[in-house]
Amino acid sequence: MRPSTVRTKICGIRSEADLRAAVAAGADAVGFISGVTHVSEDALDRRRAATLAAATPPFVTRVLVTHLEDPAAIIALADRVGVDAIQVHGLVSADVVARVHERAAGRPVLAAVHVTGPEAVGAARAMAPYCDAVLLDSRTPDRLGGTGRAHDWSISATIVGAMAEFDRPVVLAGGLTPATVAAAVGQVHPYAVDVNSGVEYPGGHKDPAACDAFVAAARSALP
């Protein structure tokens, strides 16, 4: 699935200022990280995530990003936060993703696949029948996202081709910045791109100018 315009998600929203920066930049979606098992400076408790989700304007998709591995707990958290989509970002099986999808009440479910090597192609194929989109991210031993590191985009491009068989869109994440996103889109041809640390100030808050530049570069990347 190759769109004419690449969609954008700005993840790791943790304050009203972050939310304003993402919305003003024209991001199609914003991500609220809650329910974590690995390191994430942007993790929110349920109440804070719900407050920010409620403050998000119409037509911007609110995405819960969670490491939780129990389907019932994932759905309960999504319900309480009040989101439009669920990103299952933990180290889970396809069966867990399937059970989340069954209970999602029509909300799209994104399944994260961590691209650590060629085996990610098989992992994406295993997830595809049970989710609405596959999200490709980098990881380290202590982080499941927000690494600031790009992975092998040639593997991601292979996954995009493989997902055409399932009619599943691919969201590309992992170390993207305003300076690199156009090249990533040109090589991988994802449906959407997802950024977190690549548009942050050193202190971790979102940089409005970097958000603007990221969205503009992503949208102008395809002819």
Protein backbone atom coordinates (compact mmCIF):
# COMPACT_ATOMS: atom_id res chain seq x y z
CA MET A 1 0.00 0.00 0.00
CA ARG A 2 1.81 3.12 -1.28
CA PRO A 3 0.02 6.40 -0.56
CA SER A 4 0.46 9.56 -2.58
CA THR A 5 0.96 11.47 0.67
CA VAL A 6 2.67 9.98 3.71
CA ARG A 7 0.76 10.26 6.97
CA THR A 8 2.58 11.41 10.10
CA LYS A 9 2.37 10.49 13.77
CA ILE A 10 4.17 12.35 16.54
CA CYS A 11 4.58 10.07 19.53
CA GLY A 12 5.57 10.57 23.14
CA ILE A 13 3.18 13.45 23.79
CA ARG A 14 3.48 14.23 27.49
CA SER A 15 2.27 17.82 27.92
CA GLU A 16 -0.17 20.33 26.54
CA ALA A 17 2.77 22.11 24.90
CA ASP A 18 3.82 18.89 23.15
CA LEU A 19 0.28 18.39 21.94
CA ARG A 20 0.03 21.94 20.61
CA ALA A 21 3.33 21.53 18.75
CA ALA A 22 2.20 18.30 17.08
CA VAL A 23 -1.23 19.62 16.13
CA ALA A 24 0.14 22.92 14.82
CA ALA A 25 2.62 21.00 12.67
CA GLY A 26 -0.28 19.17 11.03
CA ALA A 27 0.41 15.68 12.37
CA ASP A 28 -2.30 13.18 11.44
CA ALA A 29 -1.93 11.31 14.73
CA VAL A 30 -0.45 11.71 18.20
CA GLY A 31 0.76 8.96 20.49
CA PHE A 32 0.33 8.69 24.25
CA ILE A 33 2.65 6.15 25.90
CA SER A 34 1.11 4.43 28.90
CA GLY A 35 1.48 1.01 30.48
CA VAL A 36 5.20 0.43 30.03
CA THR A 37 7.54 -2.44 30.84
CA HIS A 38 10.72 -0.92 29.42
CA VAL A 39 12.41 2.48 29.64
CA SER A 40 10.40 5.43 28.31
CA GLU A 41 10.86 8.97 29.52
CA ASP A 42 7.53 9.85 27.91
CA ALA A 43 5.40 7.34 29.84
CA LEU A 44 2.18 8.73 31.30
CA ASP A 45 -0.12 7.42 33.96
CA ARG A 46 -3.68 6.67 32.87
CA ARG A 47 -5.16 9.93 34.17
CA ARG A 48 -2.56 12.13 32.51
CA ALA A 49 -2.92 10.27 29.22
CA ALA A 50 -6.71 10.66 29.40
CA THR A 51 -6.42 14.40 30.04
CA LEU A 52 -4.21 14.88 26.99
CA ALA A 53 -6.37 12.62 24.84
CA ALA A 54 -9.44 14.67 25.78
CA ALA A 55 -7.62 17.86 24.80
CA THR A 56 -6.78 16.59 21.30
CA PRO A 57 -8.83 18.35 18.62
CA PRO A 58 -11.12 16.53 16.19
CA PHE A 59 -9.61 14.85 13.11
CA VAL A 60 -6.30 14.11 14.88
CA THR A 61 -6.09 10.39 15.67
CA ARG A 62 -5.31 9.61 19.31
CA VAL A 63 -3.17 6.49 19.68
CA LEU A 64 -2.47 4.55 22.86
CA VAL A 65 1.06 3.14 22.74
CA THR A 66 1.51 0.42 25.33
CA HIS A 67 3.94 -2.31 26.33
CA LEU A 68 1.27 -4.24 28.21
CA GLU A 69 0.96 -7.89 27.21
CA ASP A 70 -2.45 -8.88 28.59
CA PRO A 71 -5.26 -8.24 26.07
CA ALA A 72 -7.85 -7.39 28.73
CA ALA A 73 -5.48 -4.90 30.37
CA ILE A 74 -4.68 -3.28 27.02
CA ILE A 75 -8.35 -2.81 26.16
CA ALA A 76 -9.17 -1.51 29.65
CA LEU A 77 -6.40 1.06 29.39
CA ALA A 78 -7.50 2.15 25.91
CA ASP A 79 -11.06 2.58 27.15
CA ARG A 80 -10.00 4.63 30.15
CA VAL A 81 -7.63 6.87 28.23
CA GLY A 82 -10.15 7.41 25.45
CA VAL A 83 -8.23 6.78 22.23
CA ASP A 84 -9.08 6.15 18.59
CA ALA A 85 -6.42 3.50 17.91
CA ILE A 86 -4.30 1.03 19.88
CA GLN A 87 -0.60 0.43 19.24
CA VAL A 88 0.50 -2.87 20.79
CA HIS A 89 4.19 -2.14 21.24
CA GLY A 90 5.23 -4.85 23.67
CA LEU A 91 6.96 -8.15 23.03
CA VAL A 92 3.77 -10.06 22.33
CA SER A 93 2.61 -12.92 20.15
CA ALA A 94 0.27 -12.73 17.20
CA ASP A 95 -2.34 -14.42 19.40
CA VAL A 96 -2.26 -11.49 21.83
CA VAL A 97 -2.65 -9.02 18.97
CA ALA A 98 -5.58 -11.06 17.63
CA ARG A 99 -7.33 -11.00 21.00
CA VAL A 100 -6.81 -7.24 21.31
CA HIS A 101 -8.25 -6.80 17.83
CA GLU A 102 -11.31 -8.88 18.71
CA ARG A 103 -12.05 -6.60 21.67
CA ALA A 104 -11.06 -3.26 20.14
CA ALA A 105 -14.64 -2.26 19.26
CA GLY A 106 -13.70 -1.08 15.81
CA ARG A 107 -10.59 0.83 16.81
CA PRO A 108 -7.63 0.13 14.51
CA VAL A 109 -4.88 -1.99 16.08
CA LEU A 110 -1.25 -1.42 15.15
CA ALA A 111 1.21 -4.23 15.89
CA ALA A 112 4.83 -3.27 16.46
CA VAL A 113 7.54 -5.36 14.86
CA HIS A 114 11.09 -4.59 15.95
CA VAL A 115 13.48 -4.68 13.01
CA THR A 116 16.62 -6.24 14.44
CA GLY A 117 17.42 -8.38 11.41
CA PRO A 118 15.92 -10.23 8.43
CA GLU A 119 13.76 -12.30 10.77
CA ALA A 120 11.53 -9.22 11.09
CA VAL A 121 10.02 -10.04 7.70
CA GLY A 122 8.61 -13.30 9.07
CA ALA A 123 7.48 -11.57 12.25
CA ALA A 124 5.55 -9.01 10.22
CA ARG A 125 3.94 -11.74 8.14
CA ALA A 126 2.85 -13.50 11.33
CA MET A 127 1.25 -10.34 12.72
CA ALA A 128 -0.42 -9.09 9.54
CA PRO A 129 -3.59 -11.23 9.60
CA TYR A 130 -4.46 -10.04 13.10
CA CYS A 131 -3.90 -6.27 12.98
CA ASP A 132 -4.87 -3.25 10.90
CA ALA A 133 -1.32 -1.98 10.36
CA VAL A 134 2.25 -3.05 11.12
CA LEU A 135 4.58 -0.55 12.75
CA LEU A 136 8.32 -1.06 12.26
CA ASP A 137 10.59 0.21 15.01
CA SER A 138 14.10 -0.12 16.36
CA ARG A 139 14.84 -1.54 19.79
CA THR A 140 17.64 -1.95 22.32
CA PRO A 141 17.88 -4.34 25.29
CA ASP A 142 16.14 -1.80 27.55
CA ARG A 143 14.00 0.15 25.07
CA LEU A 144 11.12 -0.94 22.85
CA GLY A 145 10.96 2.46 21.15
CA GLY A 146 12.24 5.99 21.45
CA THR A 147 15.75 4.70 20.78
CA GLY A 148 16.81 7.49 18.44
CA ARG A 149 18.35 4.78 16.25
CA ALA A 150 17.46 3.91 12.69
CA HIS A 151 17.29 0.26 11.67
CA ASP A 152 18.04 -1.34 8.30
CA TRP A 153 15.62 0.36 5.91
CA SER A 154 16.21 -2.28 3.25
CA ILE A 155 14.51 -4.79 5.57
CA SER A 156 11.67 -2.35 6.14
CA ALA A 157 11.24 -1.96 2.37
CA THR A 158 11.05 -5.74 2.04
CA ILE A 159 8.34 -5.80 4.70
CA VAL A 160 6.34 -3.13 2.86
CA GLY A 161 6.40 -5.37 -0.20
CA ALA A 162 5.38 -8.41 1.84
CA MET A 163 2.48 -6.57 3.45
CA ALA A 164 0.92 -5.88 0.06
CA GLU A 165 -0.09 -9.55 0.09
CA PHE A 166 -2.18 -8.85 3.21
CA ASP A 167 -3.29 -5.34 2.20
CA ARG A 168 -1.73 -4.01 5.40
CA PRO A 169 -0.25 -0.52 5.65
CA VAL A 170 3.17 -0.07 7.21
CA VAL A 171 4.17 2.68 9.62
CA LEU A 172 7.91 3.37 9.74
CA ALA A 173 9.49 4.45 13.02
CA GLY A 174 12.93 4.31 14.58
CA GLY A 175 15.45 7.14 14.65
CA LEU A 176 13.67 9.34 12.12
CA THR A 177 14.39 13.08 12.11
CA PRO A 178 13.44 16.03 9.90
CA ALA A 179 16.78 15.53 8.11
CA THR A 180 16.34 11.80 7.41
CA VAL A 181 12.62 11.22 6.96
CA ALA A 182 12.54 12.08 3.25
CA ALA A 183 15.27 9.55 2.48
CA ALA A 184 13.49 6.94 4.60
CA VAL A 185 10.22 7.49 2.78
CA GLY A 186 11.96 7.36 -0.58
CA GLN A 187 13.55 4.00 0.21
CA VAL A 188 10.80 2.29 2.21
CA HIS A 189 7.56 3.81 0.81
CA PRO A 190 5.60 3.43 4.07
CA TYR A 191 2.00 4.43 4.51
CA ALA A 192 2.99 6.61 7.48
CA VAL A 193 5.98 7.67 9.54
CA ASP A 194 6.24 7.94 13.31
CA VAL A 195 8.65 10.15 15.23
CA ASN A 196 9.38 10.72 18.91
CA SER A 197 12.87 11.69 20.04
CA GLY A 198 13.75 13.02 16.59
CA VAL A 199 11.64 16.15 17.16
CA GLU A 200 12.56 16.83 20.78
CA TYR A 201 14.63 19.40 22.56
CA PRO A 202 17.53 17.95 24.60
CA GLY A 203 15.29 18.04 27.68
CA GLY A 204 12.72 15.76 26.06
CA HIS A 205 9.92 18.17 25.19
CA LYS A 206 8.73 18.53 21.62
CA ASP A 207 10.39 21.25 19.53
CA PRO A 208 7.66 23.00 17.50
CA ALA A 209 10.08 23.93 14.71
CA ALA A 210 11.32 20.35 14.44
CA CYS A 211 7.74 19.04 14.39
CA ASP A 212 6.91 21.46 11.57
CA ALA A 213 10.00 20.42 9.60
CA PHE A 214 9.35 16.71 10.09
CA VAL A 215 5.76 16.82 8.86
CA ALA A 216 6.66 19.01 5.90
CA ALA A 217 9.59 16.79 4.88
CA ALA A 218 7.53 13.61 5.16
CA ARG A 219 4.66 14.96 3.10
CA SER A 220 6.90 16.30 0.35
CA ALA A 221 8.98 13.13 0.09
CA LEU A 222 6.86 11.31 -2.50
CA PRO A 223 6.48 12.73 -6.03
